[in-house]
Amino acid sequence: MAAAMRFSSSIIGQSMAAKHSLHSVPPNRSHELRQAEIKMASQLPYTKNAIKIKPLKLFMAVPSDSIANASSLSPAESIMQFYSAINEKNLKQLDKLITEDCFFEDLSFPIPFQGKKEVLHFLERLTISMGQNMQFNVEHICEGKENTAGVNWHLDWNKIQVPFTRGCSYFSLSVHGDELVIRKAQVLIESPIKLGVVALTIFRIVSVLFDAFPMATEWFLKSPHIVFQLLLKAYSIAVEPIIGPFLAWYINLLNFAACTLSITLKIFYYLAEILNMQ
């Protein structure tokens, strides 16, 4: 009983001493401590702002080996893994990042690529066309809802930006096991032709025509492929018979000029050898 009384009295004494020590701190001193804590907290890096300001450095800092071995990736990290595989020409890694029913639409091509086989064939041709020194440089990545992401990028040659190679890509990803894989992609590339005010003039003319003929416009917008087929048929019936022979004649003329130039150069080369021998 005495031991219990001593234990409780020691606890009460410690709590009273602690309370006394808290009250004994001067108000100015506690205010200084609070200001010091706020200053230290403001100097700490804020991860959310870092992602917003420099998303590229955040994701580029992740090594490819650690990404490959990760059990779960965010949409942004999966897209960075995709572009890293293209730059490294790693087709095996690209195969792992694409679903079997992948839909890849590059607006530079008339028809989108459907299925893993077509998409991988396109990506293989892309990596071959890039050569040894061309690489994608990702500028920004923005994540959306339901595993979506948007990317701004451009092409670099030996770390020098290539003109007219800026583009935007939009990805929809799906969960496959513990990984996120690309299910749908759409790519828009900067046009090298800068129409400027001419583009606005053409846009104005098209808008006026659409407003003047709403029924025809609605039919055209719902089935544009039919219009293009009609234009191709009209070209093959009315234009090709006239232009075709002229183009054939012009090509034959260019071939004749090339052969003549080649024979002339050979004659000059033969005469030069004879003069040197003399």
Protein backbone atom coordinates (compact mmCIF):
# COMPACT_ATOMS: atom_id res chain seq x y z
CA MET A 1 0.00 0.00 0.00
CA ALA A 2 2.84 2.37 0.86
CA ALA A 3 4.61 1.51 -2.38
CA ALA A 4 1.46 2.32 -4.36
CA MET A 5 1.13 5.66 -2.56
CA ARG A 6 4.77 6.51 -3.37
CA PHE A 7 4.26 5.56 -7.10
CA SER A 8 1.10 7.70 -7.45
CA SER A 9 2.69 10.64 -5.64
CA SER A 10 5.75 10.47 -7.96
CA ILE A 11 3.51 10.52 -11.07
CA ILE A 12 1.53 13.49 -9.73
CA GLY A 13 4.76 15.29 -8.90
CA GLN A 14 6.17 14.73 -12.42
CA SER A 15 2.98 15.97 -14.08
CA MET A 16 2.92 19.07 -11.89
CA ALA A 17 6.58 19.72 -12.67
CA ALA A 18 5.94 19.39 -16.39
CA LYS A 19 2.95 21.72 -16.17
CA HIS A 20 5.01 24.19 -14.19
CA SER A 21 7.81 24.04 -16.79
CA LEU A 22 5.32 24.75 -19.60
CA HIS A 23 3.85 27.72 -17.78
CA SER A 24 7.31 28.94 -16.85
CA VAL A 25 8.22 29.51 -20.53
CA PRO A 26 7.86 33.22 -21.22
CA PRO A 27 5.22 34.20 -23.82
CA ASN A 28 7.83 35.84 -26.03
CA ARG A 29 9.96 32.72 -25.95
CA SER A 30 7.04 30.47 -26.97
CA HIS A 31 6.14 32.90 -29.77
CA GLU A 32 9.75 32.75 -31.02
CA LEU A 33 9.68 28.97 -30.95
CA ARG A 34 6.43 28.95 -32.95
CA GLN A 35 7.87 31.33 -35.53
CA ALA A 36 11.00 29.17 -35.81
CA GLU A 37 8.84 26.08 -36.43
CA ILE A 38 6.85 27.88 -39.14
CA LYS A 39 10.07 29.06 -40.79
CA MET A 40 11.53 25.54 -40.77
CA ALA A 41 8.30 24.10 -42.20
CA SER A 42 8.28 26.69 -45.00
CA GLN A 43 11.84 25.68 -45.95
CA LEU A 44 10.89 22.03 -46.35
CA PRO A 45 10.27 20.86 -49.96
CA TYR A 46 6.61 20.58 -50.85
CA THR A 47 6.13 17.50 -53.00
CA LYS A 48 2.83 18.58 -54.53
CA ASN A 49 4.22 21.88 -55.77
CA ALA A 50 7.34 20.14 -57.04
CA ILE A 51 5.20 17.85 -59.17
CA LYS A 52 3.24 20.76 -60.58
CA ILE A 53 6.29 22.88 -61.38
CA LYS A 54 8.70 20.27 -62.68
CA PRO A 55 6.92 16.99 -63.39
CA LEU A 56 9.55 16.00 -65.93
CA LYS A 57 12.44 15.94 -63.47
CA LEU A 58 10.38 14.03 -60.95
CA PHE A 59 9.51 11.20 -63.33
CA MET A 60 12.75 11.26 -65.32
CA ALA A 61 14.67 10.72 -62.11
CA VAL A 62 13.23 7.22 -61.78
CA PRO A 63 15.73 4.71 -63.24
CA SER A 64 14.41 2.36 -65.89
CA ASP A 65 15.54 -0.70 -63.92
CA SER A 66 13.63 0.34 -60.80
CA ILE A 67 10.54 1.11 -62.91
CA ALA A 68 10.70 -2.29 -64.56
CA ASN A 69 10.92 -3.99 -61.17
CA ALA A 70 8.17 -1.93 -59.54
CA SER A 71 5.08 -3.80 -58.52
CA SER A 72 2.70 -0.90 -59.19
CA LEU A 73 3.12 2.25 -61.28
CA SER A 74 1.15 5.45 -61.61
CA PRO A 75 -0.15 6.48 -65.06
CA ALA A 76 2.62 9.08 -65.38
CA GLU A 77 5.33 6.56 -64.52
CA SER A 78 3.88 4.02 -66.95
CA ILE A 79 3.92 6.60 -69.77
CA MET A 80 7.50 7.58 -68.95
CA GLN A 81 8.38 3.90 -69.10
CA PHE A 82 6.71 3.76 -72.54
CA TYR A 83 8.78 6.65 -73.95
CA SER A 84 11.97 5.35 -72.34
CA ALA A 85 11.41 2.00 -74.07
CA ILE A 86 10.99 3.82 -77.42
CA ASN A 87 14.19 5.81 -76.90
CA GLU A 88 16.05 2.63 -75.95
CA LYS A 89 14.40 0.70 -78.84
CA ASN A 90 13.32 -1.95 -76.33
CA LEU A 91 10.55 -3.78 -78.19
CA LYS A 92 10.21 -6.42 -75.48
CA GLN A 93 9.41 -3.75 -72.92
CA LEU A 94 6.93 -2.12 -75.33
CA ASP A 95 5.22 -5.48 -75.74
CA LYS A 96 4.61 -5.57 -71.97
CA LEU A 97 3.15 -2.05 -71.93
CA ILE A 98 0.41 -2.62 -74.56
CA THR A 99 -2.85 -4.50 -74.25
CA GLU A 100 -3.92 -7.11 -76.77
CA ASP A 101 -6.79 -4.89 -77.99
CA CYS A 102 -4.76 -1.66 -77.99
CA PHE A 103 -6.14 1.17 -80.15
CA PHE A 104 -3.36 3.54 -81.29
CA GLU A 105 -4.42 6.55 -83.37
CA ASP A 106 -1.67 8.70 -84.87
CA LEU A 107 -3.39 11.53 -86.73
CA SER A 108 -0.52 11.65 -89.25
CA PHE A 109 -1.87 8.34 -90.61
CA PRO A 110 -5.26 7.94 -92.29
CA ILE A 111 -6.17 4.75 -90.41
CA PRO A 112 -5.54 4.00 -86.71
CA PHE A 113 -3.62 0.91 -85.62
CA GLN A 114 -5.73 -1.74 -83.90
CA GLY A 115 -4.43 -4.67 -81.86
CA LYS A 116 -1.04 -5.33 -80.33
CA LYS A 117 0.43 -6.72 -83.57
CA GLU A 118 -0.29 -3.60 -85.63
CA VAL A 119 0.74 -1.23 -82.85
CA LEU A 120 4.05 -3.02 -82.22
CA HIS A 121 4.78 -3.07 -85.95
CA PHE A 122 4.21 0.68 -86.09
CA LEU A 123 6.39 1.30 -83.02
CA GLU A 124 9.15 -0.87 -84.49
CA ARG A 125 9.11 1.18 -87.70
CA LEU A 126 9.13 4.34 -85.57
CA THR A 127 12.23 3.28 -83.61
CA ILE A 128 14.02 2.36 -86.84
CA SER A 129 13.15 5.72 -88.40
CA MET A 130 14.49 7.58 -85.35
CA GLY A 131 18.03 6.37 -86.00
CA GLN A 132 20.67 6.37 -83.27
CA ASN A 133 20.55 9.97 -82.00
CA MET A 134 16.86 10.95 -82.14
CA GLN A 135 14.91 10.69 -78.88
CA PHE A 136 11.61 11.75 -77.38
CA ASN A 137 11.89 14.48 -74.74
CA VAL A 138 8.83 14.58 -72.48
CA GLU A 139 8.05 18.11 -71.32
CA HIS A 140 4.93 17.68 -69.15
CA ILE A 141 2.68 14.89 -67.94
CA CYS A 142 -0.80 15.49 -66.53
CA GLU A 143 -2.76 12.66 -64.94
CA GLY A 144 -6.54 12.52 -65.24
CA LYS A 145 -9.29 10.40 -63.78
CA GLU A 146 -9.71 6.67 -64.41
CA ASN A 147 -6.04 6.00 -65.31
CA THR A 148 -5.66 8.60 -68.06
CA ALA A 149 -2.71 10.85 -68.85
CA GLY A 150 -1.78 13.63 -71.28
CA VAL A 151 1.78 14.30 -72.47
CA ASN A 152 3.55 17.18 -74.21
CA TRP A 153 6.76 16.17 -75.97
CA HIS A 154 9.24 17.04 -78.70
CA LEU A 155 12.09 15.28 -80.48
CA ASP A 156 15.76 15.89 -79.71
CA TRP A 157 18.77 15.06 -81.85
CA ASN A 158 21.88 14.80 -79.66
CA LYS A 159 20.00 16.77 -76.99
CA ILE A 160 19.15 19.55 -79.49
CA GLN A 161 15.48 20.22 -80.16
CA VAL A 162 14.38 19.47 -83.72
CA PRO A 163 12.01 22.07 -85.25
CA PHE A 164 8.41 21.13 -86.04
CA THR A 165 8.51 17.99 -83.87
CA ARG A 166 6.33 19.07 -80.97
CA GLY A 167 3.35 16.91 -80.19
CA CYS A 168 0.71 15.88 -77.68
CA SER A 169 -0.33 12.36 -76.75
CA TYR A 170 -3.31 11.19 -74.71
CA PHE A 171 -3.39 7.77 -73.11
CA SER A 172 -6.01 5.58 -71.46
CA LEU A 173 -4.58 2.79 -69.35
CA SER A 174 -6.05 -0.34 -67.82
CA VAL A 175 -4.94 -2.51 -64.93
CA HIS A 176 -3.29 -5.78 -65.92
CA GLY A 177 -2.24 -7.69 -62.83
CA ASP A 178 -0.15 -5.25 -60.79
CA GLU A 179 0.75 -3.05 -63.76
CA LEU A 180 -0.88 -0.32 -65.82
CA VAL A 181 -0.80 -0.97 -69.57
CA ILE A 182 -1.81 1.22 -72.51
CA ARG A 183 -5.26 0.48 -73.87
CA LYS A 184 -5.82 3.53 -76.07
CA ALA A 185 -3.59 6.31 -77.40
CA GLN A 186 -4.09 9.35 -79.60
CA VAL A 187 -1.16 11.35 -80.99
CA LEU A 188 -1.24 14.86 -82.45
CA ILE A 189 1.90 16.25 -84.12
CA GLU A 190 2.78 19.84 -84.96
CA SER A 191 2.27 20.74 -88.61
CA PRO A 192 5.33 22.14 -90.42
CA ILE A 193 3.00 24.30 -92.57
CA LYS A 194 2.04 27.47 -90.68
CA LEU A 195 -0.94 28.97 -92.51
CA GLY A 196 -1.57 31.71 -89.95
CA VAL A 197 -4.25 34.14 -91.13
CA VAL A 198 -4.94 31.96 -94.18
CA ALA A 199 -6.12 29.20 -91.84
CA LEU A 200 -8.61 31.59 -90.22
CA THR A 201 -9.86 32.66 -93.67
CA ILE A 202 -10.37 29.05 -94.75
CA PHE A 203 -12.08 28.32 -91.45
CA ARG A 204 -14.43 31.27 -91.99
CA ILE A 205 -15.32 30.10 -95.51
CA VAL A 206 -16.02 26.56 -94.31
CA SER A 207 -18.20 27.86 -91.45
CA VAL A 208 -20.24 30.01 -93.85
CA LEU A 209 -20.75 27.05 -96.20
CA PHE A 210 -21.78 24.81 -93.32
CA ASP A 211 -24.32 27.39 -92.11
CA ALA A 212 -25.66 27.96 -95.63
CA PHE A 213 -26.24 24.25 -96.30
CA PRO A 214 -27.03 22.63 -92.94
CA MET A 215 -28.57 19.43 -94.30
CA ALA A 216 -25.66 18.76 -96.67
CA THR A 217 -23.24 19.59 -93.85
CA GLU A 218 -24.91 17.15 -91.48
CA TRP A 219 -24.75 14.41 -94.11
CA PHE A 220 -21.08 15.16 -94.82
CA LEU A 221 -20.07 15.16 -91.15
CA LYS A 222 -21.82 11.86 -90.49
CA SER A 223 -20.28 10.09 -93.50
CA PRO A 224 -17.14 11.92 -94.73
CA HIS A 225 -15.65 8.75 -96.21
CA ILE A 226 -18.44 8.65 -98.81
CA VAL A 227 -17.53 12.15 -100.00
CA PHE A 228 -13.86 11.22 -100.33
CA GLN A 229 -14.76 8.11 -102.29
CA LEU A 230 -16.86 10.23 -104.65
CA LEU A 231 -13.98 12.65 -105.09
CA LEU A 232 -11.60 9.79 -105.90
CA LYS A 233 -14.04 8.41 -108.46
CA ALA A 234 -14.44 11.86 -110.03
CA TYR A 235 -10.66 12.20 -110.19
CA SER A 236 -10.24 8.78 -111.82
CA ILE A 237 -12.98 9.53 -114.39
CA ALA A 238 -12.42 13.20 -115.27
CA VAL A 239 -8.91 14.22 -114.19
CA GLU A 240 -6.68 11.15 -114.40
CA PRO A 241 -7.23 10.55 -118.18
CA ILE A 242 -6.00 14.08 -118.85
CA ILE A 243 -3.19 14.39 -116.31
CA GLY A 244 -2.04 10.75 -116.51
CA PRO A 245 -0.44 10.89 -120.00
CA PHE A 246 1.17 14.25 -119.21
CA LEU A 247 2.71 12.88 -116.00
CA ALA A 248 3.93 9.77 -117.82
CA TRP A 249 5.53 11.93 -120.52
CA TYR A 250 7.15 14.16 -117.89
CA ILE A 251 8.58 11.15 -116.01
CA ASN A 252 9.98 9.71 -119.26
CA LEU A 253 11.55 13.08 -120.01
CA LEU A 254 13.24 13.15 -116.61
CA ASN A 255 14.56 9.61 -117.12
CA PHE A 256 15.92 10.58 -120.55
CA ALA A 257 17.63 13.66 -119.09
CA ALA A 258 19.18 11.59 -116.31
CA CYS A 259 20.51 8.99 -118.79
CA THR A 260 21.92 11.73 -121.03
CA LEU A 261 23.66 13.39 -118.09
CA SER A 262 25.11 10.07 -116.95
CA ILE A 263 26.50 9.30 -120.45
CA THR A 264 27.97 12.81 -120.71
CA LEU A 265 29.75 12.48 -117.37
CA LYS A 266 31.18 9.11 -118.40
CA ILE A 267 32.51 10.64 -121.65
CA PHE A 268 34.16 13.49 -119.76
CA TYR A 269 35.69 11.03 -117.30
CA TYR A 270 37.07 8.89 -120.17
CA LEU A 271 38.58 11.96 -121.89
CA ALA A 272 40.16 13.08 -118.62
CA GLU A 273 41.85 9.70 -118.20
CA ILE A 274 43.23 9.86 -121.75
CA LEU A 275 44.67 13.33 -121.11
CA ASN A 276 46.31 12.20 -117.91
CA MET A 277 47.95 9.25 -119.68
CA GLN A 278 49.48 11.60 -122.25
